[in-house]
Amino acid sequence: MDVTGWLMQFGLTLQEARIYACLHRSGRSTGYELAKVTGISRSNTYAGLSSLVEKGAAHKADGKPVRYVAVPVDEFCKNIIRELRTVRKLLEKNLPGTGEADEGYLTIQGPHNIRNKIENLIADTEHRIYISMPYSLLEPLLPSLTMLLEKGKKVVVITDGPLMLDGAILYRAAEPAAHIRIIRDTAVALTGNLDDTPGCSCLYSAKENLVSLLRDSMRGEIRLIELAGEGAAD
């Protein structure tokens, strides 16, 4: 994903994102100047600028001709995130669910959705979390796991790479795991494949049989690591 794609994650259209990126790079500019650089028609450029102003991504500068200034990325993103937090609270209040976990099996498909699910599992951990996955997949999760440890939660990790995670119980596997496995609070489990292909998928469930199956599997792996002399490091 490029810069325009990232900007679209914050509610801009493709055209608005292109104009914003150009404006951010070039500084104070007129619609005519931006149209020349972006290749977008002048009418669409001015329409895009007007929309950017409405969305809080740009401001009009005093003077003639009218020039525009991009709102700094950090400020723009903070504003959107703050607004989304407010909307989230309104949705939780006005669109209540059952509050109960689904008792069946769910398929989480696609790398983006799987990574989000993993981050949510970590964030929602109340007592303990067990994770088995290749180091290449684990590394991006270290900040979230560190925050969990700082809250006094138990973190047990099985991985194949050198891992610096103070306070966690770490087991060094000889080879990368074939599948990722996660158990949170002995209540929910996630297992499957995670790569960069759209078809990758994981099975998620609160069913006791899946949780028990993964727990036994991870215990067995830990036992083999201990027998091989790798042991655990706190």
Protein backbone atom coordinates (compact mmCIF):
# COMPACT_ATOMS: atom_id res chain seq x y z
CA MET A 1 0.00 0.00 0.00
CA ASP A 2 1.37 3.46 -0.89
CA VAL A 3 0.81 6.87 0.70
CA THR A 4 -2.52 7.41 -1.04
CA GLY A 5 -3.73 4.03 0.18
CA TRP A 6 -2.79 4.88 3.76
CA LEU A 7 -4.55 8.23 3.49
CA MET A 8 -7.67 6.49 2.24
CA GLN A 9 -7.70 4.53 5.50
CA PHE A 10 -8.45 7.88 7.14
CA GLY A 11 -11.53 8.59 5.07
CA LEU A 12 -10.11 10.31 1.99
CA THR A 13 -11.08 9.28 -1.51
CA LEU A 14 -8.34 8.31 -3.95
CA GLN A 15 -8.51 11.70 -5.64
CA GLU A 16 -8.50 13.58 -2.31
CA ALA A 17 -5.56 11.51 -1.13
CA ARG A 18 -3.55 12.33 -4.25
CA ILE A 19 -4.28 16.06 -3.88
CA TYR A 20 -3.50 16.02 -0.14
CA ALA A 21 -0.18 14.20 -0.69
CA CYS A 22 0.81 16.70 -3.39
CA LEU A 23 -0.24 19.67 -1.25
CA HIS A 24 1.66 18.28 1.73
CA ARG A 25 4.84 17.96 -0.33
CA SER A 26 4.61 21.25 -2.21
CA GLY A 27 3.37 23.50 0.59
CA ARG A 28 1.03 26.46 0.07
CA SER A 29 -0.47 26.05 -3.42
CA THR A 30 -3.36 27.10 -5.61
CA GLY A 31 -5.79 24.68 -7.15
CA TYR A 32 -4.34 25.49 -10.56
CA GLU A 33 -0.81 24.57 -9.43
CA LEU A 34 -2.00 21.32 -7.88
CA ALA A 35 -3.96 20.39 -11.00
CA LYS A 36 -0.81 20.77 -13.10
CA VAL A 37 1.25 18.57 -10.78
CA THR A 38 -1.34 15.85 -10.14
CA GLY A 39 -2.80 15.69 -13.62
CA ILE A 40 -6.28 15.92 -12.15
CA SER A 41 -8.62 18.29 -13.97
CA ARG A 42 -8.86 21.77 -12.50
CA SER A 43 -12.54 21.42 -11.65
CA ASN A 44 -11.95 18.11 -9.86
CA THR A 45 -8.93 19.53 -8.07
CA TYR A 46 -10.93 22.44 -6.68
CA ALA A 47 -13.74 20.07 -5.71
CA GLY A 48 -11.18 17.85 -3.97
CA LEU A 49 -9.67 20.80 -2.13
CA SER A 50 -13.09 21.91 -0.95
CA SER A 51 -13.73 18.41 0.37
CA LEU A 52 -10.32 18.32 2.07
CA VAL A 53 -11.16 21.56 3.86
CA GLU A 54 -14.47 20.08 5.03
CA LYS A 55 -12.73 16.94 6.29
CA GLY A 56 -10.13 18.94 8.18
CA ALA A 57 -7.22 17.89 5.98
CA ALA A 58 -6.49 21.34 4.51
CA HIS A 59 -6.97 25.02 5.25
CA LYS A 60 -7.42 28.05 3.04
CA ALA A 61 -4.68 30.66 3.32
CA ASP A 62 -5.37 34.40 3.23
CA GLY A 63 -4.64 36.28 0.02
CA LYS A 64 -5.37 36.26 -3.67
CA PRO A 65 -5.37 33.95 -5.48
CA VAL A 66 -6.68 31.51 -2.89
CA ARG A 67 -4.01 29.09 -1.77
CA TYR A 68 -4.35 25.96 0.34
CA VAL A 69 -2.20 24.47 3.06
CA ALA A 70 -2.23 20.82 4.11
CA VAL A 71 -2.95 20.09 7.75
CA PRO A 72 0.11 18.19 9.12
CA VAL A 73 -0.28 14.42 8.91
CA ASP A 74 0.04 13.93 12.67
CA GLU A 75 -2.64 16.52 13.43
CA PHE A 76 -5.01 15.25 10.74
CA CYS A 77 -4.69 11.63 11.88
CA LYS A 78 -5.11 12.54 15.56
CA ASN A 79 -8.30 14.44 14.74
CA ILE A 80 -9.76 11.49 12.83
CA ILE A 81 -8.82 9.02 15.56
CA ARG A 82 -10.34 11.24 18.25
CA GLU A 83 -13.56 11.58 16.25
CA LEU A 84 -13.70 7.81 15.69
CA ARG A 85 -13.34 7.19 19.43
CA THR A 86 -16.35 9.43 20.01
CA VAL A 87 -18.32 7.61 17.30
CA ARG A 88 -17.31 4.27 18.81
CA LYS A 89 -18.80 5.26 22.17
CA LEU A 90 -22.01 6.34 20.46
CA LEU A 91 -22.22 3.04 18.57
CA GLU A 92 -21.62 1.00 21.71
CA LYS A 93 -24.36 2.92 23.46
CA ASN A 94 -26.92 2.88 20.65
CA LEU A 95 -26.09 -0.43 18.97
CA PRO A 96 -25.69 -2.89 21.83
CA GLY A 97 -25.01 -6.53 21.11
CA THR A 98 -25.65 -9.63 23.14
CA GLY A 99 -22.33 -9.27 24.94
CA GLU A 100 -21.78 -13.01 24.52
CA ALA A 101 -19.00 -14.72 22.61
CA ASP A 102 -20.03 -16.79 19.59
CA GLU A 103 -19.96 -20.44 20.62
CA GLY A 104 -19.21 -21.75 17.13
CA TYR A 105 -16.18 -21.71 14.86
CA LEU A 106 -15.32 -18.62 12.86
CA THR A 107 -12.98 -18.36 9.88
CA ILE A 108 -10.84 -15.22 9.90
CA GLN A 109 -9.60 -14.72 6.34
CA GLY A 110 -6.94 -12.46 4.89
CA PRO A 111 -3.67 -11.23 6.46
CA HIS A 112 -5.06 -7.82 7.46
CA ASN A 113 -8.05 -9.32 9.28
CA ILE A 114 -5.94 -12.00 10.97
CA ARG A 115 -3.40 -9.46 12.25
CA ASN A 116 -6.22 -7.30 13.59
CA LYS A 117 -7.72 -10.31 15.35
CA ILE A 118 -4.39 -11.14 16.96
CA GLU A 119 -3.90 -7.55 18.14
CA ASN A 120 -7.40 -7.60 19.65
CA LEU A 121 -6.73 -10.91 21.40
CA ILE A 122 -3.63 -9.40 22.97
CA ALA A 123 -5.39 -6.18 23.95
CA ASP A 124 -8.32 -8.07 25.50
CA THR A 125 -6.17 -10.41 27.59
CA GLU A 126 -7.26 -10.34 31.23
CA HIS A 127 -4.85 -12.83 32.77
CA ARG A 128 -2.63 -14.76 30.35
CA ILE A 129 -1.88 -15.42 26.71
CA TYR A 130 0.03 -18.25 25.03
CA ILE A 131 1.47 -17.66 21.56
CA SER A 132 3.29 -19.97 19.15
CA MET A 133 4.38 -18.50 15.82
CA PRO A 134 7.46 -17.79 13.70
CA TYR A 135 9.59 -14.90 14.87
CA SER A 136 8.99 -13.04 11.59
CA LEU A 137 5.28 -12.86 12.44
CA LEU A 138 5.84 -12.25 16.14
CA GLU A 139 8.18 -9.27 15.84
CA PRO A 140 5.46 -6.72 14.89
CA LEU A 141 3.50 -7.78 17.99
CA LEU A 142 6.28 -7.00 20.47
CA PRO A 143 5.03 -3.49 21.38
CA SER A 144 1.57 -4.86 22.20
CA LEU A 145 3.02 -7.77 24.19
CA THR A 146 5.30 -5.38 26.07
CA MET A 147 2.29 -3.30 27.09
CA LEU A 148 0.57 -6.46 28.28
CA LEU A 149 3.56 -7.41 30.42
CA GLU A 150 3.68 -3.91 31.90
CA LYS A 151 0.11 -4.49 33.09
CA GLY A 152 1.23 -7.62 34.94
CA LYS A 153 -0.28 -10.18 32.55
CA LYS A 154 1.33 -13.54 31.89
CA VAL A 155 2.82 -13.99 28.41
CA VAL A 156 4.16 -17.33 27.18
CA VAL A 157 5.83 -17.39 23.76
CA ILE A 158 7.14 -20.19 21.56
CA THR A 159 9.13 -18.94 18.58
CA ASP A 160 12.18 -19.75 16.48
CA GLY A 161 14.09 -16.48 16.72
CA PRO A 162 16.00 -14.54 19.34
CA LEU A 163 13.43 -12.70 21.38
CA MET A 164 13.97 -9.90 23.88
CA LEU A 165 10.77 -9.58 25.86
CA ASP A 166 11.45 -8.87 29.51
CA GLY A 167 9.00 -10.57 31.84
CA ALA A 168 7.69 -13.12 29.33
CA ILE A 169 8.24 -16.88 29.50
CA LEU A 170 10.09 -17.68 26.28
CA TYR A 171 10.71 -20.99 24.54
CA ARG A 172 13.10 -21.19 21.60
CA ALA A 173 11.94 -23.63 18.90
CA ALA A 174 14.46 -25.18 16.53
CA GLU A 175 12.29 -24.48 13.48
CA PRO A 176 9.51 -22.03 12.61
CA ALA A 177 6.03 -23.20 13.57
CA ALA A 178 3.93 -24.57 10.72
CA HIS A 179 0.84 -22.77 12.04
CA ILE A 180 0.20 -19.92 14.40
CA ARG A 181 -1.49 -20.85 17.66
CA ILE A 182 -2.85 -18.49 20.29
CA ILE A 183 -4.80 -19.15 23.48
CA ARG A 184 -6.16 -16.22 25.47
CA ASP A 185 -7.25 -16.66 29.09
CA THR A 186 -7.92 -20.35 28.47
CA ALA A 187 -11.16 -19.13 26.92
CA VAL A 188 -10.63 -18.51 23.19
CA ALA A 189 -8.20 -19.85 20.61
CA LEU A 190 -6.91 -18.95 17.17
CA THR A 191 -4.97 -21.19 14.83
CA GLY A 192 -4.12 -21.33 11.15
CA ASN A 193 -1.88 -19.79 8.53
CA LEU A 194 -0.73 -16.20 8.26
CA ASP A 195 1.12 -14.92 5.22
CA ASP A 196 0.68 -12.17 2.65
CA THR A 197 -1.77 -14.06 0.43
CA PRO A 198 -5.48 -13.08 0.45
CA GLY A 199 -6.46 -16.72 0.90
CA CYS A 200 -4.68 -17.30 4.21
CA SER A 201 -7.09 -18.06 7.04
CA CYS A 202 -7.32 -18.91 10.72
CA LEU A 203 -9.90 -20.73 12.79
CA TYR A 204 -11.18 -18.84 15.83
CA SER A 205 -13.43 -20.23 18.54
CA ALA A 206 -14.37 -20.18 22.21
CA LYS A 207 -15.22 -23.88 22.07
CA GLU A 208 -13.51 -25.83 24.81
CA ASN A 209 -12.41 -28.66 22.52
CA LEU A 210 -10.36 -26.32 20.29
CA VAL A 211 -8.86 -24.54 23.29
CA SER A 212 -7.93 -27.89 24.85
CA LEU A 213 -6.50 -29.21 21.59
CA LEU A 214 -4.22 -26.20 21.16
CA ARG A 215 -3.26 -26.21 24.84
CA ASP A 216 -2.18 -29.87 24.63
CA SER A 217 -0.32 -29.19 21.39
CA MET A 218 1.60 -26.27 22.87
CA ARG A 219 2.37 -28.18 26.05
CA GLY A 220 3.78 -30.98 23.93
CA GLU A 221 5.95 -28.56 21.99
CA ILE A 222 7.22 -26.95 25.19
CA ARG A 223 8.06 -30.39 26.59
CA LEU A 224 10.08 -31.27 23.47
CA ILE A 225 11.98 -27.97 23.70
CA GLU A 226 12.79 -28.67 27.34
CA LEU A 227 13.97 -32.20 26.55
CA ALA A 228 16.19 -30.78 23.79
CA GLY A 229 17.80 -28.57 26.39
CA GLU A 230 16.51 -25.23 25.15
CA GLY A 231 14.41 -24.56 28.22
CA ALA A 232 12.66 -21.32 28.97
CA ALA A 233 13.96 -17.88 29.76
CA ASP A 234 12.09 -15.35 31.85
